[in-house]
């Protein structure tokens, strides 16, 4: 199962996300859920770091992606992270056996 964890502050503002795991829906290279989640996560991470140029830590290693935005630039990234959350929550509703979305206050 893919686990998508969003980091939020006490006011529920998004600060970042961590996505890990594999859906197990199909073999690697044929798994549409993994491809879907990966594509959305890369788009969000790349928009934050390369388009908006927000200060952020972004790491990716073998299906494990972590993005944490500097609190001073968090306002710049709210729409992108909210869009990713909406995208993944909608996917979780359709495929709950393959994706779980959680929120952690940091």
PDB file of N, CA and C in Angstrom:
ATOM      1  N   UNK A   1       0.833  -1.180   0.000  1.00  0.00           N
ATOM      2  CA  UNK A   1       0.000   0.000   0.000  1.00  0.00           C
ATOM      3  C   UNK A   1       0.883   1.250   0.000  1.00  0.00           C
ATOM      4  N   UNK A   2       0.411   2.269  -0.692  1.00  0.00           N
ATOM      5  CA  UNK A   2       1.090   3.568  -0.689  1.00  0.00           C
ATOM      6  C   UNK A   2       0.565   4.363   0.497  1.00  0.00           C
ATOM      7  N   UNK A   3       1.475   4.968   1.239  1.00  0.00           N
ATOM      8  CA  UNK A   3       1.115   5.839   2.343  1.00  0.00           C
ATOM      9  C   UNK A   3       1.524   7.266   1.981  1.00  0.00           C
ATOM     10  N   UNK A   4       0.546   8.157   1.955  1.00  0.00           N
ATOM     11  CA  UNK A   4       0.802   9.576   1.704  1.00  0.00           C
ATOM     12  C   UNK A   4       0.516  10.325   2.996  1.00  0.00           C
ATOM     13  N   UNK A   5       1.543  10.932   3.547  1.00  0.00           N
ATOM     14  CA  UNK A   5       1.423  11.667   4.798  1.00  0.00           C
ATOM     15  C   UNK A   5       1.668  13.150   4.516  1.00  0.00           C
ATOM     16  N   UNK A   6       0.690  13.976   4.878  1.00  0.00           N
ATOM     17  CA  UNK A   6       0.843  15.420   4.732  1.00  0.00           C
ATOM     18  C   UNK A   6       1.188  16.021   6.081  1.00  0.00           C
ATOM     19  N   UNK A   7       2.153  16.931   6.079  1.00  0.00           N
ATOM     20  CA  UNK A   7       2.553  17.629   7.293  1.00  0.00           C
ATOM     21  C   UNK A   7       1.838  18.971   7.333  1.00  0.00           C
ATOM     22  N   UNK A   8       1.191  19.264   8.464  1.00  0.00           N
ATOM     23  CA  UNK A   8       0.452  20.515   8.626  1.00  0.00           C
ATOM     24  C   UNK A   8       0.866  21.170   9.941  1.00  0.00           C
ATOM     25  N   UNK A   9       0.696  22.489   9.998  1.00  0.00           N
ATOM     26  CA  UNK A   9       0.968  23.177  11.256  1.00  0.00           C
ATOM     27  C   UNK A   9      -0.311  23.209  12.095  1.00  0.00           C
ATOM     28  N   UNK A  10      -0.271  23.872  13.229  1.00  0.00           N
ATOM     29  CA  UNK A  10      -1.426  23.886  14.138  1.00  0.00           C
ATOM     30  C   UNK A  10      -2.648  24.555  13.523  1.00  0.00           C
ATOM     31  N   UNK A  11      -2.430  25.391  12.501  1.00  0.00           N
ATOM     32  CA  UNK A  11      -3.534  26.055  11.806  1.00  0.00           C
ATOM     33  C   UNK A  11      -3.996  25.292  10.575  1.00  0.00           C
ATOM     34  N   UNK A  12      -3.478  24.081  10.398  1.00  0.00           N
ATOM     35  CA  UNK A  12      -3.806  23.193   9.278  1.00  0.00           C
ATOM     36  C   UNK A  12      -3.251  23.685   7.940  1.00  0.00           C
ATOM     37  N   UNK A  13      -2.227  24.551   7.986  1.00  0.00           N
ATOM     38  CA  UNK A  13      -1.526  24.951   6.768  1.00  0.00           C
ATOM     39  C   UNK A  13      -0.559  23.842   6.380  1.00  0.00           C
ATOM     40  N   UNK A  14      -0.471  23.559   5.112  1.00  0.00           N
ATOM     41  CA  UNK A  14       0.417  22.505   4.630  1.00  0.00           C
ATOM     42  C   UNK A  14       1.879  22.934   4.707  1.00  0.00           C
ATOM     43  N   UNK A  15       2.725  22.020   5.159  1.00  0.00           N
ATOM     44  CA  UNK A  15       4.162  22.263   5.219  1.00  0.00           C
ATOM     45  C   UNK A  15       4.944  21.289   4.351  1.00  0.00           C
ATOM     46  N   UNK A  16       4.319  20.204   3.928  1.00  0.00           N
ATOM     47  CA  UNK A  16       5.018  19.239   3.091  1.00  0.00           C
ATOM     48  C   UNK A  16       4.323  17.900   3.065  1.00  0.00           C
ATOM     49  N   UNK A  17       5.040  16.901   2.533  1.00  0.00           N
ATOM     50  CA  UNK A  17       4.472  15.562   2.441  1.00  0.00           C
ATOM     51  C   UNK A  17       5.568  14.510   2.370  1.00  0.00           C
ATOM     52  N   UNK A  18       5.172  13.281   2.669  1.00  0.00           N
ATOM     53  CA  UNK A  18       6.044  12.109   2.547  1.00  0.00           C
ATOM     54  C   UNK A  18       5.198  11.009   1.940  1.00  0.00           C
ATOM     55  N   UNK A  19       5.644  10.475   0.827  1.00  0.00           N
ATOM     56  CA  UNK A  19       4.939   9.392   0.157  1.00  0.00           C
ATOM     57  C   UNK A  19       5.875   8.203   0.085  1.00  0.00           C
ATOM     58  N   UNK A  20       5.370   7.052   0.515  1.00  0.00           N
ATOM     59  CA  UNK A  20       6.200   5.848   0.521  1.00  0.00           C
ATOM     60  C   UNK A  20       5.359   4.623   0.202  1.00  0.00           C
ATOM     61  N   UNK A  21       6.050   3.567  -0.184  1.00  0.00           N
ATOM     62  CA  UNK A  21       5.393   2.295  -0.442  1.00  0.00           C
ATOM     63  C   UNK A  21       5.014   2.102  -1.897  1.00  0.00           C
ATOM     64  N   UNK A  22       4.456   0.957  -2.157  1.00  0.00           N
ATOM     65  CA  UNK A  22       3.991   0.583  -3.499  1.00  0.00           C
ATOM     66  C   UNK A  22       2.577   0.047  -3.371  1.00  0.00           C
ATOM     67  N   UNK A  23       1.749   0.337  -4.328  1.00  0.00           N
ATOM     68  CA  UNK A  23       0.344  -0.053  -4.214  1.00  0.00           C
ATOM     69  C   UNK A  23       0.141  -1.560  -4.267  1.00  0.00           C
ATOM     70  N   UNK A  24       0.941  -2.240  -5.077  1.00  0.00           N
ATOM     71  CA  UNK A  24       0.750  -3.680  -5.229  1.00  0.00           C
ATOM     72  C   UNK A  24      -0.406  -4.038  -6.140  1.00  0.00           C
ATOM     73  N   UNK A  25      -0.922  -3.072  -6.862  1.00  0.00           N
ATOM     74  CA  UNK A  25      -2.033  -3.339  -7.774  1.00  0.00           C
ATOM     75  C   UNK A  25      -1.588  -4.175  -8.975  1.00  0.00           C
ATOM     76  N   UNK A  26      -0.361  -3.945  -9.422  1.00  0.00           N
ATOM     77  CA  UNK A  26       0.171  -4.666 -10.583  1.00  0.00           C
ATOM     78  C   UNK A  26       1.694  -4.709 -10.457  1.00  0.00           C
ATOM     79  N   UNK A  27       2.322  -5.391 -11.405  1.00  0.00           N
ATOM     80  CA  UNK A  27       3.783  -5.474 -11.419  1.00  0.00           C
ATOM     81  C   UNK A  27       4.387  -4.086 -11.639  1.00  0.00           C
ATOM     82  N   UNK A  28       5.614  -3.917 -11.133  1.00  0.00           N
ATOM     83  CA  UNK A  28       6.331  -2.673 -11.335  1.00  0.00           C
ATOM     84  C   UNK A  28       6.406  -2.362 -12.830  1.00  0.00           C
ATOM     85  N   UNK A  29       6.107  -1.141 -13.179  1.00  0.00           N
ATOM     86  CA  UNK A  29       6.100  -0.732 -14.580  1.00  0.00           C
ATOM     87  C   UNK A  29       4.723  -0.805 -15.209  1.00  0.00           C
ATOM     88  N   UNK A  30       3.807  -1.522 -14.566  1.00  0.00           N
ATOM     89  CA  UNK A  30       2.433  -1.653 -15.066  1.00  0.00           C
ATOM     90  C   UNK A  30       1.399  -1.177 -14.059  1.00  0.00           C
ATOM     91  N   UNK A  31       1.859  -0.690 -12.921  1.00  0.00           N
ATOM     92  CA  UNK A  31       0.971  -0.319 -11.830  1.00  0.00           C
ATOM     93  C   UNK A  31       0.491   1.120 -12.018  1.00  0.00           C
ATOM     94  N   UNK A  32      -0.765   1.281 -12.417  1.00  0.00           N
ATOM     95  CA  UNK A  32      -1.281   2.623 -12.716  1.00  0.00           C
ATOM     96  C   UNK A  32      -1.442   3.476 -11.458  1.00  0.00           C
ATOM     97  N   UNK A  33      -1.701   2.849 -10.313  1.00  0.00           N
ATOM     98  CA  UNK A  33      -1.844   3.635  -9.077  1.00  0.00           C
ATOM     99  C   UNK A  33      -0.493   4.223  -8.685  1.00  0.00           C
ATOM    100  N   UNK A  34       0.560   3.409  -8.733  1.00  0.00           N
ATOM    101  CA  UNK A  34       1.900   3.924  -8.426  1.00  0.00           C
ATOM    102  C   UNK A  34       2.291   5.034  -9.399  1.00  0.00           C
ATOM    103  N   UNK A  35       2.020   4.831 -10.669  1.00  0.00           N
ATOM    104  CA  UNK A  35       2.359   5.835 -11.676  1.00  0.00           C
ATOM    105  C   UNK A  35       1.578   7.131 -11.435  1.00  0.00           C
ATOM    106  N   UNK A  36       0.326   6.996 -11.109  1.00  0.00           N
ATOM    107  CA  UNK A  36      -0.539   8.142 -10.862  1.00  0.00           C
ATOM    108  C   UNK A  36      -0.037   8.961  -9.675  1.00  0.00           C
ATOM    109  N   UNK A  37       0.240   8.278  -8.556  1.00  0.00           N
ATOM    110  CA  UNK A  37       0.696   8.966  -7.345  1.00  0.00           C
ATOM    111  C   UNK A  37       2.074   9.584  -7.569  1.00  0.00           C
ATOM    112  N   UNK A  38       2.974   8.841  -8.205  1.00  0.00           N
ATOM    113  CA  UNK A  38       4.322   9.351  -8.466  1.00  0.00           C
ATOM    114  C   UNK A  38       4.284  10.601  -9.335  1.00  0.00           C
ATOM    115  N   UNK A  39       3.508  10.557 -10.385  1.00  0.00           N
ATOM    116  CA  UNK A  39       3.416  11.697 -11.291  1.00  0.00           C
ATOM    117  C   UNK A  39       2.894  12.938 -10.567  1.00  0.00           C
ATOM    118  N   UNK A  40       1.855  12.770  -9.768  1.00  0.00           N
ATOM    119  CA  UNK A  40       1.294  13.906  -9.028  1.00  0.00           C
ATOM    120  C   UNK A  40       2.304  14.457  -8.013  1.00  0.00           C
ATOM    121  N   UNK A  41       3.012  13.563  -7.321  1.00  0.00           N
ATOM    122  CA  UNK A  41       3.997  13.988  -6.316  1.00  0.00           C
ATOM    123  C   UNK A  41       5.160  14.717  -6.971  1.00  0.00           C
ATOM    124  N   UNK A  42       5.663  14.197  -8.091  1.00  0.00           N
ATOM    125  CA  UNK A  42       6.759  14.867  -8.795  1.00  0.00           C
ATOM    126  C   UNK A  42       6.330  16.238  -9.309  1.00  0.00           C
ATOM    127  N   UNK A  43       5.116  16.327  -9.809  1.00  0.00           N
ATOM    128  CA  UNK A  43       4.635  17.617 -10.304  1.00  0.00           C
ATOM    129  C   UNK A  43       4.586  18.633  -9.162  1.00  0.00           C
ATOM    130  N   UNK A  44       4.071  18.221  -8.004  1.00  0.00           N
ATOM    131  CA  UNK A  44       4.006  19.123  -6.853  1.00  0.00           C
ATOM    132  C   UNK A  44       5.405  19.520  -6.393  1.00  0.00           C
ATOM    133  N   UNK A  45       6.286  18.550  -6.237  1.00  0.00           N
ATOM    134  CA  UNK A  45       7.650  18.829  -5.769  1.00  0.00           C
ATOM    135  C   UNK A  45       8.395  19.739  -6.741  1.00  0.00           C
ATOM    136  N   UNK A  46       8.298  19.439  -8.028  1.00  0.00           N
ATOM    137  CA  UNK A  46       9.002  20.253  -9.026  1.00  0.00           C
ATOM    138  C   UNK A  46       8.436  21.669  -9.119  1.00  0.00           C
ATOM    139  N   UNK A  47       7.134  21.803  -8.959  1.00  0.00           N
ATOM    140  CA  UNK A  47       6.534  23.138  -8.982  1.00  0.00           C
ATOM    141  C   UNK A  47       7.016  23.951  -7.784  1.00  0.00           C
ATOM    142  N   UNK A  48       7.061  23.323  -6.622  1.00  0.00           N
ATOM    143  CA  UNK A  48       7.521  24.011  -5.408  1.00  0.00           C
ATOM    144  C   UNK A  48       8.983  24.440  -5.541  1.00  0.00           C
ATOM    145  N   UNK A  49       9.843  23.534  -5.994  1.00  0.00           N
ATOM    146  CA  UNK A  49      11.280  23.829  -6.005  1.00  0.00           C
ATOM    147  C   UNK A  49      11.760  24.561  -7.254  1.00  0.00           C
ATOM    148  N   UNK A  50      11.216  24.236  -8.424  1.00  0.00           N
ATOM    149  CA  UNK A  50      11.766  24.769  -9.674  1.00  0.00           C
ATOM    150  C   UNK A  50      10.933  25.861 -10.342  1.00  0.00           C
ATOM    151  N   UNK A  51       9.665  25.967  -9.999  1.00  0.00           N
ATOM    152  CA  UNK A  51       8.813  27.001 -10.603  1.00  0.00           C
ATOM    153  C   UNK A  51       8.620  28.154  -9.621  1.00  0.00           C
ATOM    154  N   UNK A  52       8.186  27.832  -8.414  1.00  0.00           N
ATOM    155  CA  UNK A  52       7.978  28.857  -7.394  1.00  0.00           C
ATOM    156  C   UNK A  52       9.293  29.260  -6.735  1.00  0.00           C
ATOM    157  N   UNK A  53      10.244  28.352  -6.738  1.00  0.00           N
ATOM    158  CA  UNK A  53      11.549  28.548  -6.086  1.00  0.00           C
ATOM    159  C   UNK A  53      11.410  28.767  -4.580  1.00  0.00           C
ATOM    160  N   UNK A  54      10.488  28.025  -3.981  1.00  0.00           N
ATOM    161  CA  UNK A  54      10.339  28.076  -2.531  1.00  0.00           C
ATOM    162  C   UNK A  54      11.509  27.346  -1.882  1.00  0.00           C
ATOM    163  N   UNK A  55      11.883  27.810  -0.713  1.00  0.00           N
ATOM    164  CA  UNK A  55      12.910  27.103   0.048  1.00  0.00           C
ATOM    165  C   UNK A  55      12.271  25.826   0.570  1.00  0.00           C
ATOM    166  N   UNK A  56      12.843  24.689   0.179  1.00  0.00           N
ATOM    167  CA  UNK A  56      12.264  23.414   0.579  1.00  0.00           C
ATOM    168  C   UNK A  56      13.322  22.324   0.526  1.00  0.00           C
ATOM    169  N   UNK A  57      13.125  21.326   1.347  1.00  0.00           N
ATOM    170  CA  UNK A  57      13.914  20.104   1.280  1.00  0.00           C
ATOM    171  C   UNK A  57      13.109  19.122   0.448  1.00  0.00           C
ATOM    172  N   UNK A  58      13.719  18.578  -0.578  1.00  0.00           N
ATOM    173  CA  UNK A  58      13.042  17.599  -1.422  1.00  0.00           C
ATOM    174  C   UNK A  58      13.988  16.428  -1.650  1.00  0.00           C
ATOM    175  N   UNK A  59      13.529  15.245  -1.273  1.00  0.00           N
ATOM    176  CA  UNK A  59      14.341  14.038  -1.414  1.00  0.00           C
ATOM    177  C   UNK A  59      13.500  12.933  -2.039  1.00  0.00           C
ATOM    178  N   UNK A  60      14.145  12.154  -2.885  1.00  0.00           N
ATOM    179  CA  UNK A  60      13.472  11.036  -3.542  1.00  0.00           C
ATOM    180  C   UNK A  60      14.447   9.873  -3.595  1.00  0.00           C
ATOM    181  N   UNK A  61      13.995   8.729  -3.107  1.00  0.00           N
ATOM    182  CA  UNK A  61      14.848   7.555  -3.109  1.00  0.00           C
ATOM    183  C   UNK A  61      14.009   6.295  -3.230  1.00  0.00           C
ATOM    184  N   UNK A  62      14.097   5.631  -4.359  1.00  0.00           N
ATOM    185  CA  UNK A  62      13.465   4.322  -4.575  1.00  0.00           C
ATOM    186  C   UNK A  62      12.005   4.283  -4.122  1.00  0.00           C
ATOM    187  N   UNK A  63      11.192   5.157  -4.664  1.00  0.00           N
ATOM    188  CA  UNK A  63       9.766   5.151  -4.361  1.00  0.00           C
ATOM    189  C   UNK A  63       9.386   5.837  -3.063  1.00  0.00           C
ATOM    190  N   UNK A  64      10.313   6.543  -2.465  1.00  0.00           N
ATOM    191  CA  UNK A  64      10.083   7.230  -1.201  1.00  0.00           C
ATOM    192  C   UNK A  64      10.355   8.717  -1.447  1.00  0.00           C
ATOM    193  N   UNK A  65       9.317   9.561  -1.391  1.00  0.00           N
ATOM    194  CA  UNK A  65       9.504  10.988  -1.648  1.00  0.00           C
ATOM    195  C   UNK A  65       9.133  11.797  -0.410  1.00  0.00           C
ATOM    196  N   UNK A  66      10.014  12.752  -0.092  1.00  0.00           N
ATOM    197  CA  UNK A  66       9.824  13.623   1.060  1.00  0.00           C
ATOM    198  C   UNK A  66      10.022  15.063   0.605  1.00  0.00           C
ATOM    199  N   UNK A  67       9.050  15.919   0.914  1.00  0.00           N
ATOM    200  CA  UNK A  67       9.157  17.349   0.624  1.00  0.00           C
ATOM    201  C   UNK A  67       8.719  18.106   1.863  1.00  0.00           C
ATOM    202  N   UNK A  68       9.562  19.012   2.335  1.00  0.00           N
ATOM    203  CA  UNK A  68       9.223  19.868   3.476  1.00  0.00           C
ATOM    204  C   UNK A  68       9.574  21.303   3.100  1.00  0.00           C
ATOM    205  N   UNK A  69       8.587  22.166   3.165  1.00  0.00           N
ATOM    206  CA  UNK A  69       8.745  23.569   2.795  1.00  0.00           C
ATOM    207  C   UNK A  69       9.184  24.367   4.021  1.00  0.00           C
ATOM    208  N   UNK A  70      10.098  25.301   3.804  1.00  0.00           N
ATOM    209  CA  UNK A  70      10.500  26.222   4.861  1.00  0.00           C
ATOM    210  C   UNK A  70       9.260  27.009   5.296  1.00  0.00           C
ATOM    211  N   UNK A  71       9.072  27.163   6.596  1.00  0.00           N
ATOM    212  CA  UNK A  71       7.878  27.842   7.115  1.00  0.00           C
ATOM    213  C   UNK A  71       7.718  29.250   6.553  1.00  0.00           C
ATOM    214  N   UNK A  72       8.818  29.916   6.223  1.00  0.00           N
ATOM    215  CA  UNK A  72       8.744  31.265   5.653  1.00  0.00           C
ATOM    216  C   UNK A  72       8.178  31.276   4.237  1.00  0.00           C
ATOM    217  N   UNK A  73       8.245  30.148   3.534  1.00  0.00           N
ATOM    218  CA  UNK A  73       7.722  30.056   2.173  1.00  0.00           C
ATOM    219  C   UNK A  73       6.447  29.214   2.082  1.00  0.00           C
ATOM    220  N   UNK A  74       5.918  28.791   3.216  1.00  0.00           N
ATOM    221  CA  UNK A  74       4.753  27.901   3.224  1.00  0.00           C
ATOM    222  C   UNK A  74       3.543  28.522   2.518  1.00  0.00           C
ATOM    223  N   UNK A  75       3.338  29.828   2.694  1.00  0.00           N
ATOM    224  CA  UNK A  75       2.188  30.476   2.052  1.00  0.00           C
ATOM    225  C   UNK A  75       2.232  30.344   0.531  1.00  0.00           C
ATOM    226  N   UNK A  76       3.425  30.370  -0.026  1.00  0.00           N
ATOM    227  CA  UNK A  76       3.582  30.248  -1.479  1.00  0.00           C
ATOM    228  C   UNK A  76       3.137  28.885  -2.001  1.00  0.00           C
ATOM    229  N   UNK A  77       3.142  27.879  -1.143  1.00  0.00           N
ATOM    230  CA  UNK A  77       2.941  26.491  -1.578  1.00  0.00           C
ATOM    231  C   UNK A  77       1.581  25.909  -1.200  1.00  0.00           C
ATOM    232  N   UNK A  78       0.730  26.677  -0.539  1.00  0.00           N
ATOM    233  CA  UNK A  78      -0.535  26.134  -0.052  1.00  0.00           C
ATOM    234  C   UNK A  78      -1.423  25.573  -1.156  1.00  0.00           C
ATOM    235  N   UNK A  79      -1.563  26.293  -2.258  1.00  0.00           N
ATOM    236  CA  UNK A  79      -2.435  25.822  -3.336  1.00  0.00           C
ATOM    237  C   UNK A  79      -1.905  24.544  -3.984  1.00  0.00           C
ATOM    238  N   UNK A  80      -0.618  24.470  -4.153  1.00  0.00           N
ATOM    239  CA  UNK A  80      -0.024  23.268  -4.762  1.00  0.00           C
ATOM    240  C   UNK A  80      -0.226  22.055  -3.863  1.00  0.00           C
ATOM    241  N   UNK A  81       0.066  22.228  -2.580  1.00  0.00           N
ATOM    242  CA  UNK A  81      -0.077  21.109  -1.648  1.00  0.00           C
ATOM    243  C   UNK A  81      -1.543  20.751  -1.434  1.00  0.00           C
ATOM    244  N   UNK A  82      -2.428  21.729  -1.430  1.00  0.00           N
ATOM    245  CA  UNK A  82      -3.858  21.444  -1.313  1.00  0.00           C
ATOM    246  C   UNK A  82      -4.356  20.696  -2.544  1.00  0.00           C
ATOM    247  N   UNK A  83      -3.837  21.057  -3.705  1.00  0.00           N
ATOM    248  CA  UNK A  83      -4.200  20.350  -4.926  1.00  0.00           C
ATOM    249  C   UNK A  83      -3.733  18.906  -4.909  1.00  0.00           C
ATOM    250  N   UNK A  84      -2.507  18.679  -4.442  1.00  0.00           N
ATOM    251  CA  UNK A  84      -1.990  17.311  -4.320  1.00  0.00           C
ATOM    252  C   UNK A  84      -2.838  16.518  -3.333  1.00  0.00           C
ATOM    253  N   UNK A  85      -3.162  17.130  -2.202  1.00  0.00           N
ATOM    254  CA  UNK A  85      -4.007  16.458  -1.212  1.00  0.00           C
ATOM    255  C   UNK A  85      -5.350  16.065  -1.815  1.00  0.00           C
ATOM    256  N   UNK A  86      -6.006  16.975  -2.503  1.00  0.00           N
ATOM    257  CA  UNK A  86      -7.298  16.692  -3.125  1.00  0.00           C
ATOM    258  C   UNK A  86      -7.182  15.542  -4.124  1.00  0.00           C
ATOM    259  N   UNK A  87      -6.155  15.587  -4.925  1.00  0.00           N
ATOM    260  CA  UNK A  87      -5.893  14.558  -5.927  1.00  0.00           C
ATOM    261  C   UNK A  87      -5.732  13.186  -5.277  1.00  0.00           C
ATOM    262  N   UNK A  88      -4.945  13.131  -4.211  1.00  0.00           N
ATOM    263  CA  UNK A  88      -4.680  11.855  -3.560  1.00  0.00           C
ATOM    264  C   UNK A  88      -5.864  11.373  -2.729  1.00  0.00           C
ATOM    265  N   UNK A  89      -6.577  12.278  -2.071  1.00  0.00           N
ATOM    266  CA  UNK A  89      -7.759  11.870  -1.303  1.00  0.00           C
ATOM    267  C   UNK A  89      -8.829  11.314  -2.237  1.00  0.00           C
ATOM    268  N   UNK A  90      -9.017  11.942  -3.395  1.00  0.00           N
ATOM    269  CA  UNK A  90      -9.979  11.420  -4.370  1.00  0.00           C
ATOM    270  C   UNK A  90      -9.570  10.035  -4.870  1.00  0.00           C
ATOM    271  N   UNK A  91      -8.278   9.844  -5.057  1.00  0.00           N
ATOM    272  CA  UNK A  91      -7.786   8.531  -5.479  1.00  0.00           C
ATOM    273  C   UNK A  91      -7.977   7.511  -4.364  1.00  0.00           C
ATOM    274  N   UNK A  92      -7.708   7.915  -3.128  1.00  0.00           N
ATOM    275  CA  UNK A  92      -7.904   7.025  -1.983  1.00  0.00           C
ATOM    276  C   UNK A  92      -9.364   6.573  -1.893  1.00  0.00           C
ATOM    277  N   UNK A  93     -10.302   7.460  -2.172  1.00  0.00           N
ATOM    278  CA  UNK A  93     -11.723   7.104  -2.128  1.00  0.00           C
ATOM    279  C   UNK A  93     -12.057   6.035  -3.171  1.00  0.00           C
ATOM    280  N   UNK A  94     -11.398   6.093  -4.323  1.00  0.00           N
ATOM    281  CA  UNK A  94     -11.654   5.125  -5.388  1.00  0.00           C
ATOM    282  C   UNK A  94     -10.893   3.816  -5.189  1.00  0.00           C
ATOM    283  N   UNK A  95      -9.705   3.905  -4.582  1.00  0.00           N
ATOM    284  CA  UNK A  95      -8.829   2.737  -4.429  1.00  0.00           C
ATOM    285  C   UNK A  95      -8.299   2.640  -2.997  1.00  0.00           C
ATOM    286  N   UNK A  96      -9.185   2.478  -2.006  1.00  0.00           N
ATOM    287  CA  UNK A  96      -8.724   2.485  -0.606  1.00  0.00           C
ATOM    288  C   UNK A  96      -7.800   1.322  -0.245  1.00  0.00           C
ATOM    289  N   UNK A  97      -7.822   0.278  -1.012  1.00  0.00           N
ATOM    290  CA  UNK A  97      -6.951  -0.864  -0.723  1.00  0.00           C
ATOM    291  C   UNK A  97      -5.518  -0.638  -1.202  1.00  0.00           C
ATOM    292  N   UNK A  98      -5.280   0.448  -1.962  1.00  0.00           N
ATOM    293  CA  UNK A  98      -3.962   0.707  -2.520  1.00  0.00           C
ATOM    294  C   UNK A  98      -3.298   1.999  -2.017  1.00  0.00           C
ATOM    295  N   UNK A  99      -4.090   2.911  -1.451  1.00  0.00           N
ATOM    296  CA  UNK A  99      -3.575   4.223  -1.056  1.00  0.00           C
ATOM    297  C   UNK A  99      -4.220   4.666   0.251  1.00  0.00           C
ATOM    298  N   UNK A 100      -3.399   5.168   1.159  1.00  0.00           N
ATOM    299  CA  UNK A 100      -3.907   5.736   2.406  1.00  0.00           C
ATOM    300  C   UNK A 100      -3.291   7.122   2.587  1.00  0.00           C
ATOM    301  N   UNK A 101      -4.140   8.106   2.880  1.00  0.00           N
ATOM    302  CA  UNK A 101      -3.709   9.491   3.071  1.00  0.00           C
ATOM    303  C   UNK A 101      -3.886   9.846   4.551  1.00  0.00           C
ATOM    304  N   UNK A 102      -2.830  10.389   5.157  1.00  0.00           N
ATOM    305  CA  UNK A 102      -2.834  10.770   6.570  1.00  0.00           C
ATOM    306  C   UNK A 102      -2.334  12.204   6.724  1.00  0.00           C
ATOM    307  N   UNK A 103      -2.596  12.778   7.894  1.00  0.00           N
ATOM    308  CA  UNK A 103      -2.152  14.129   8.206  1.00  0.00           C
ATOM    309  C   UNK A 103      -1.469  14.117   9.570  1.00  0.00           C
ATOM    310  N   UNK A 104      -0.312  14.771   9.639  1.00  0.00           N
ATOM    311  CA  UNK A 104       0.462  14.833  10.869  1.00  0.00           C
ATOM    312  C   UNK A 104       0.771  16.287  11.175  1.00  0.00           C
ATOM    313  N   UNK A 105       0.448  16.707  12.398  1.00  0.00           N
ATOM    314  CA  UNK A 105       0.770  18.065  12.812  1.00  0.00           C
ATOM    315  C   UNK A 105       2.222  18.110  13.263  1.00  0.00           C
ATOM    316  N   UNK A 106       2.957  19.071  12.707  1.00  0.00           N
ATOM    317  CA  UNK A 106       4.369  19.225  13.060  1.00  0.00           C
ATOM    318  C   UNK A 106       4.639  20.605  13.628  1.00  0.00           C
TER     319      UNK A 106
END
